Amino acid sequence: MSPIHVDDCARALVHLAEHGEPGGRYFLVNSDPIRLHEFASAFARLAQRPLRVLRLPTAAARMVMGPVLADVLGGDAVFSNIRMRGIGFRFQYPTLDDGLQQILGALHE
């Protein structure tokens, strides 16, 4: 997955409206794709909470979620934001840790 902060997403959409090429294909994704368990681990670490993991076998995941969603979650496609950066967009929260720290900081305010 390539998570981006919701503020960066909103800013990117405004930037695209102003600078994007009509009909162009742009991906609003983080520069460093990660696996879902890395996201959970980073969140637990920054929140100073233990991470509890329950593993679901692939066959069970396909039964519970259906084959399409299970394939999406198990996929390894990587998208690039190079076209976004090429039209001048810069992330305010470029790393997972930056975004999660902002979110956790906002919860404590």
N, C-alpha and C. Protein backbone atom coordinates (compact mmCIF):
# COMPACT_ATOMS: atom_id res chain seq x y z
N MET A 1 0.84 -1.18 0.00
CA MET A 1 0.00 0.00 0.00
C MET A 1 0.88 1.23 0.00
N SER A 2 0.34 2.32 -0.45
CA SER A 2 1.08 3.58 -0.50
C SER A 2 0.25 4.68 0.15
N PRO A 3 0.17 4.67 1.47
CA PRO A 3 -0.69 5.63 2.15
C PRO A 3 -0.15 7.05 2.08
N ILE A 4 -1.07 8.00 1.96
CA ILE A 4 -0.69 9.41 2.07
C ILE A 4 -1.62 10.06 3.08
N HIS A 5 -1.15 11.12 3.68
CA HIS A 5 -1.92 11.87 4.67
C HIS A 5 -3.09 12.54 3.97
N VAL A 6 -4.22 12.62 4.65
CA VAL A 6 -5.42 13.21 4.06
C VAL A 6 -5.17 14.68 3.67
N ASP A 7 -4.36 15.41 4.43
CA ASP A 7 -4.03 16.80 4.07
C ASP A 7 -3.27 16.84 2.75
N ASP A 8 -2.30 15.91 2.59
CA ASP A 8 -1.56 15.84 1.33
C ASP A 8 -2.47 15.47 0.18
N CYS A 9 -3.44 14.60 0.43
CA CYS A 9 -4.39 14.20 -0.61
C CYS A 9 -5.21 15.40 -1.07
N ALA A 10 -5.73 16.17 -0.12
CA ALA A 10 -6.53 17.35 -0.46
C ALA A 10 -5.69 18.38 -1.21
N ARG A 11 -4.48 18.62 -0.72
CA ARG A 11 -3.58 19.57 -1.40
C ARG A 11 -3.24 19.09 -2.80
N ALA A 12 -3.05 17.77 -2.96
CA ALA A 12 -2.71 17.21 -4.28
C ALA A 12 -3.86 17.41 -5.27
N LEU A 13 -5.09 17.23 -4.81
CA LEU A 13 -6.24 17.41 -5.70
C LEU A 13 -6.36 18.86 -6.16
N VAL A 14 -6.13 19.81 -5.25
CA VAL A 14 -6.15 21.22 -5.63
C VAL A 14 -5.00 21.51 -6.60
N HIS A 15 -3.83 20.96 -6.31
CA HIS A 15 -2.67 21.16 -7.20
C HIS A 15 -2.96 20.60 -8.60
N LEU A 16 -3.59 19.43 -8.66
CA LEU A 16 -3.95 18.85 -9.95
C LEU A 16 -4.93 19.73 -10.72
N ALA A 17 -5.90 20.30 -10.00
CA ALA A 17 -6.87 21.18 -10.66
C ALA A 17 -6.18 22.39 -11.28
N GLU A 18 -5.12 22.87 -10.62
CA GLU A 18 -4.42 24.06 -11.10
C GLU A 18 -3.34 23.74 -12.13
N HIS A 19 -2.64 22.59 -11.98
CA HIS A 19 -1.45 22.32 -12.79
C HIS A 19 -1.50 21.03 -13.60
N GLY A 20 -2.49 20.19 -13.36
CA GLY A 20 -2.54 18.90 -14.03
C GLY A 20 -2.94 19.01 -15.48
N GLU A 21 -2.57 18.00 -16.23
CA GLU A 21 -2.90 17.93 -17.65
C GLU A 21 -4.25 17.22 -17.79
N PRO A 22 -5.24 17.84 -18.43
CA PRO A 22 -6.54 17.18 -18.59
C PRO A 22 -6.35 15.81 -19.26
N GLY A 23 -6.97 14.81 -18.68
CA GLY A 23 -6.86 13.45 -19.21
C GLY A 23 -5.59 12.74 -18.78
N GLY A 24 -4.71 13.43 -18.05
CA GLY A 24 -3.46 12.81 -17.60
C GLY A 24 -3.73 11.84 -16.46
N ARG A 25 -2.82 10.89 -16.28
CA ARG A 25 -2.97 9.90 -15.21
C ARG A 25 -1.96 10.23 -14.10
N TYR A 26 -2.50 10.48 -12.92
CA TYR A 26 -1.67 10.82 -11.76
C TYR A 26 -2.06 9.90 -10.61
N PHE A 27 -1.08 9.44 -9.86
CA PHE A 27 -1.35 8.61 -8.70
C PHE A 27 -1.04 9.41 -7.44
N LEU A 28 -1.98 9.44 -6.52
CA LEU A 28 -1.77 10.09 -5.23
C LEU A 28 -1.30 9.02 -4.25
N VAL A 29 -0.01 8.77 -4.27
CA VAL A 29 0.58 7.71 -3.45
C VAL A 29 1.86 8.20 -2.81
N ASN A 30 2.23 7.55 -1.73
CA ASN A 30 3.48 7.80 -1.03
C ASN A 30 4.65 7.38 -1.91
N SER A 31 5.80 7.98 -1.70
CA SER A 31 6.99 7.61 -2.47
C SER A 31 7.56 6.27 -2.05
N ASP A 32 7.27 5.85 -0.83
CA ASP A 32 7.80 4.60 -0.29
C ASP A 32 6.67 3.64 0.05
N PRO A 33 6.30 2.77 -0.90
CA PRO A 33 5.23 1.82 -0.59
C PRO A 33 5.62 0.88 0.54
N ILE A 34 4.64 0.46 1.30
CA ILE A 34 4.89 -0.42 2.45
C ILE A 34 3.87 -1.54 2.46
N ARG A 35 4.11 -2.53 3.26
CA ARG A 35 3.14 -3.61 3.47
C ARG A 35 2.24 -3.20 4.64
N LEU A 36 1.05 -3.77 4.67
CA LEU A 36 0.07 -3.41 5.69
C LEU A 36 0.62 -3.63 7.09
N HIS A 37 1.37 -4.72 7.30
CA HIS A 37 1.90 -4.98 8.65
C HIS A 37 2.93 -3.93 9.05
N GLU A 38 3.63 -3.33 8.08
CA GLU A 38 4.58 -2.25 8.40
C GLU A 38 3.84 -1.00 8.86
N PHE A 39 2.69 -0.74 8.25
CA PHE A 39 1.86 0.39 8.67
C PHE A 39 1.39 0.19 10.11
N ALA A 40 0.88 -1.00 10.40
CA ALA A 40 0.40 -1.29 11.74
C ALA A 40 1.53 -1.22 12.76
N SER A 41 2.70 -1.74 12.42
CA SER A 41 3.86 -1.70 13.33
C SER A 41 4.30 -0.27 13.61
N ALA A 42 4.34 0.56 12.57
CA ALA A 42 4.74 1.96 12.75
C ALA A 42 3.74 2.69 13.64
N PHE A 43 2.46 2.47 13.40
CA PHE A 43 1.44 3.13 14.22
C PHE A 43 1.56 2.70 15.68
N ALA A 44 1.71 1.41 15.92
CA ALA A 44 1.83 0.91 17.30
C ALA A 44 3.08 1.49 17.97
N ARG A 45 4.18 1.55 17.23
CA ARG A 45 5.42 2.09 17.79
C ARG A 45 5.26 3.56 18.16
N LEU A 46 4.71 4.36 17.25
CA LEU A 46 4.56 5.80 17.51
C LEU A 46 3.51 6.09 18.58
N ALA A 47 2.50 5.22 18.67
CA ALA A 47 1.46 5.39 19.69
C ALA A 47 1.87 4.77 21.02
N GLN A 48 3.02 4.13 21.02
CA GLN A 48 3.55 3.45 22.21
C GLN A 48 2.52 2.46 22.75
N ARG A 49 2.02 1.64 21.84
CA ARG A 49 1.04 0.60 22.17
C ARG A 49 1.55 -0.73 21.65
N PRO A 50 1.16 -1.81 22.31
CA PRO A 50 1.55 -3.13 21.79
C PRO A 50 0.76 -3.46 20.52
N LEU A 51 1.38 -4.18 19.64
CA LEU A 51 0.71 -4.59 18.41
C LEU A 51 0.29 -6.05 18.56
N ARG A 52 -0.99 -6.30 18.44
CA ARG A 52 -1.50 -7.67 18.49
C ARG A 52 -1.90 -8.06 17.08
N VAL A 53 -1.40 -9.18 16.64
CA VAL A 53 -1.65 -9.63 15.27
C VAL A 53 -2.33 -10.98 15.28
N LEU A 54 -3.40 -11.08 14.54
CA LEU A 54 -4.08 -12.36 14.31
C LEU A 54 -3.92 -12.67 12.83
N ARG A 55 -3.22 -13.72 12.53
CA ARG A 55 -2.97 -14.10 11.14
C ARG A 55 -4.17 -14.87 10.60
N LEU A 56 -4.53 -14.58 9.37
CA LEU A 56 -5.62 -15.25 8.69
C LEU A 56 -5.04 -15.99 7.49
N PRO A 57 -5.17 -17.30 7.45
CA PRO A 57 -4.64 -18.05 6.31
C PRO A 57 -5.24 -17.55 5.00
N THR A 58 -4.47 -17.63 3.93
CA THR A 58 -4.90 -17.13 2.63
C THR A 58 -6.24 -17.73 2.20
N ALA A 59 -6.39 -19.03 2.37
CA ALA A 59 -7.65 -19.68 1.97
C ALA A 59 -8.83 -19.12 2.76
N ALA A 60 -8.63 -18.88 4.04
CA ALA A 60 -9.71 -18.32 4.87
C ALA A 60 -10.01 -16.88 4.45
N ALA A 61 -8.97 -16.12 4.11
CA ALA A 61 -9.17 -14.74 3.67
C ALA A 61 -10.02 -14.69 2.41
N ARG A 62 -9.76 -15.60 1.49
CA ARG A 62 -10.55 -15.64 0.25
C ARG A 62 -12.02 -15.95 0.55
N MET A 63 -12.26 -16.81 1.54
CA MET A 63 -13.64 -17.16 1.90
C MET A 63 -14.33 -15.99 2.60
N VAL A 64 -13.62 -15.32 3.50
CA VAL A 64 -14.21 -14.24 4.29
C VAL A 64 -14.41 -12.97 3.46
N MET A 65 -13.38 -12.58 2.70
CA MET A 65 -13.41 -11.31 1.97
C MET A 65 -13.82 -11.45 0.52
N GLY A 66 -13.77 -12.64 0.00
CA GLY A 66 -14.03 -12.83 -1.42
C GLY A 66 -12.73 -12.77 -2.19
N PRO A 67 -12.68 -13.37 -3.36
CA PRO A 67 -11.42 -13.48 -4.09
C PRO A 67 -10.85 -12.15 -4.57
N VAL A 68 -11.71 -11.22 -4.96
CA VAL A 68 -11.20 -9.95 -5.50
C VAL A 68 -10.50 -9.14 -4.41
N LEU A 69 -11.16 -8.94 -3.27
CA LEU A 69 -10.55 -8.18 -2.18
C LEU A 69 -9.33 -8.88 -1.62
N ALA A 70 -9.38 -10.20 -1.50
CA ALA A 70 -8.22 -10.95 -1.01
C ALA A 70 -7.03 -10.77 -1.95
N ASP A 71 -7.27 -10.78 -3.25
CA ASP A 71 -6.18 -10.57 -4.21
C ASP A 71 -5.61 -9.16 -4.12
N VAL A 72 -6.48 -8.17 -3.91
CA VAL A 72 -6.01 -6.79 -3.77
C VAL A 72 -5.11 -6.66 -2.54
N LEU A 73 -5.55 -7.21 -1.42
CA LEU A 73 -4.76 -7.12 -0.19
C LEU A 73 -3.47 -7.92 -0.27
N GLY A 74 -3.47 -8.97 -1.06
CA GLY A 74 -2.28 -9.80 -1.19
C GLY A 74 -1.39 -9.38 -2.34
N GLY A 75 -1.80 -8.39 -3.10
CA GLY A 75 -1.04 -7.96 -4.28
C GLY A 75 0.20 -7.18 -3.92
N ASP A 76 1.04 -6.99 -4.92
CA ASP A 76 2.27 -6.26 -4.68
C ASP A 76 2.52 -5.20 -5.76
N ALA A 77 1.45 -4.61 -6.28
CA ALA A 77 1.59 -3.55 -7.27
C ALA A 77 2.16 -2.30 -6.60
N VAL A 78 3.04 -1.62 -7.29
CA VAL A 78 3.64 -0.40 -6.77
C VAL A 78 3.33 0.73 -7.75
N PHE A 79 2.78 1.81 -7.23
CA PHE A 79 2.45 2.97 -8.04
C PHE A 79 3.48 4.07 -7.77
N SER A 80 3.62 4.97 -8.71
CA SER A 80 4.62 6.04 -8.57
C SER A 80 3.95 7.41 -8.60
N ASN A 81 4.48 8.32 -7.81
CA ASN A 81 3.97 9.70 -7.80
C ASN A 81 4.89 10.63 -8.59
N ILE A 82 5.72 10.08 -9.45
CA ILE A 82 6.70 10.89 -10.18
C ILE A 82 6.02 11.97 -11.05
N ARG A 83 4.86 11.67 -11.60
CA ARG A 83 4.18 12.69 -12.42
C ARG A 83 3.66 13.83 -11.54
N MET A 84 3.20 13.50 -10.33
CA MET A 84 2.76 14.54 -9.39
C MET A 84 3.94 15.44 -9.04
N ARG A 85 5.05 14.83 -8.71
CA ARG A 85 6.24 15.61 -8.36
C ARG A 85 6.73 16.40 -9.57
N GLY A 86 6.53 15.85 -10.77
CA GLY A 86 6.95 16.52 -12.00
C GLY A 86 6.20 17.81 -12.28
N ILE A 87 4.97 17.91 -11.77
CA ILE A 87 4.21 19.16 -11.96
C ILE A 87 4.33 20.07 -10.73
N GLY A 88 5.30 19.75 -9.86
CA GLY A 88 5.62 20.65 -8.75
C GLY A 88 5.00 20.33 -7.41
N PHE A 89 4.28 19.23 -7.29
CA PHE A 89 3.66 18.91 -6.00
C PHE A 89 4.72 18.38 -5.04
N ARG A 90 4.66 18.85 -3.79
CA ARG A 90 5.55 18.37 -2.73
C ARG A 90 4.70 17.98 -1.53
N PHE A 91 5.00 16.82 -0.99
CA PHE A 91 4.25 16.32 0.16
C PHE A 91 4.64 17.08 1.43
N GLN A 92 3.64 17.43 2.21
CA GLN A 92 3.88 18.05 3.52
C GLN A 92 4.29 16.97 4.52
N TYR A 93 3.77 15.77 4.33
CA TYR A 93 4.08 14.62 5.18
C TYR A 93 4.63 13.51 4.29
N PRO A 94 5.92 13.61 3.90
CA PRO A 94 6.47 12.69 2.89
C PRO A 94 6.70 11.27 3.37
N THR A 95 6.79 11.04 4.66
CA THR A 95 7.04 9.68 5.15
C THR A 95 5.87 9.22 6.01
N LEU A 96 5.78 7.92 6.17
CA LEU A 96 4.74 7.35 7.02
C LEU A 96 4.86 7.89 8.44
N ASP A 97 6.08 7.92 8.98
CA ASP A 97 6.26 8.42 10.34
C ASP A 97 5.82 9.87 10.48
N ASP A 98 6.12 10.72 9.48
CA ASP A 98 5.70 12.13 9.53
C ASP A 98 4.17 12.24 9.63
N GLY A 99 3.47 11.50 8.78
CA GLY A 99 2.01 11.55 8.78
C GLY A 99 1.40 11.01 10.06
N LEU A 100 1.93 9.87 10.52
CA LEU A 100 1.38 9.28 11.74
C LEU A 100 1.66 10.15 12.96
N GLN A 101 2.83 10.78 13.02
CA GLN A 101 3.13 11.67 14.14
C GLN A 101 2.18 12.86 14.17
N GLN A 102 1.85 13.40 13.00
CA GLN A 102 0.91 14.52 12.95
C GLN A 102 -0.46 14.08 13.44
N ILE A 103 -0.90 12.90 12.99
CA ILE A 103 -2.22 12.39 13.38
C ILE A 103 -2.27 12.14 14.89
N LEU A 104 -1.26 11.48 15.41
CA LEU A 104 -1.24 11.20 16.85
C LEU A 104 -1.11 12.49 17.67
N GLY A 105 -0.35 13.45 17.15
CA GLY A 105 -0.23 14.74 17.83
C GLY A 105 -1.56 15.46 17.88
N ALA A 106 -2.33 15.39 16.80
CA ALA A 106 -3.65 16.04 16.76
C ALA A 106 -4.62 15.38 17.76
N LEU A 107 -4.45 14.08 17.99
CA LEU A 107 -5.31 13.39 18.97
C LEU A 107 -5.03 13.84 20.39
N HIS A 108 -3.80 14.27 20.66
CA HIS A 108 -3.43 14.68 22.01
C HIS A 108 -3.73 16.15 22.28
N GLU A 109 -4.16 16.88 21.27
CA GLU A 109 -4.46 18.32 21.46
C GLU A 109 -5.82 18.52 22.06
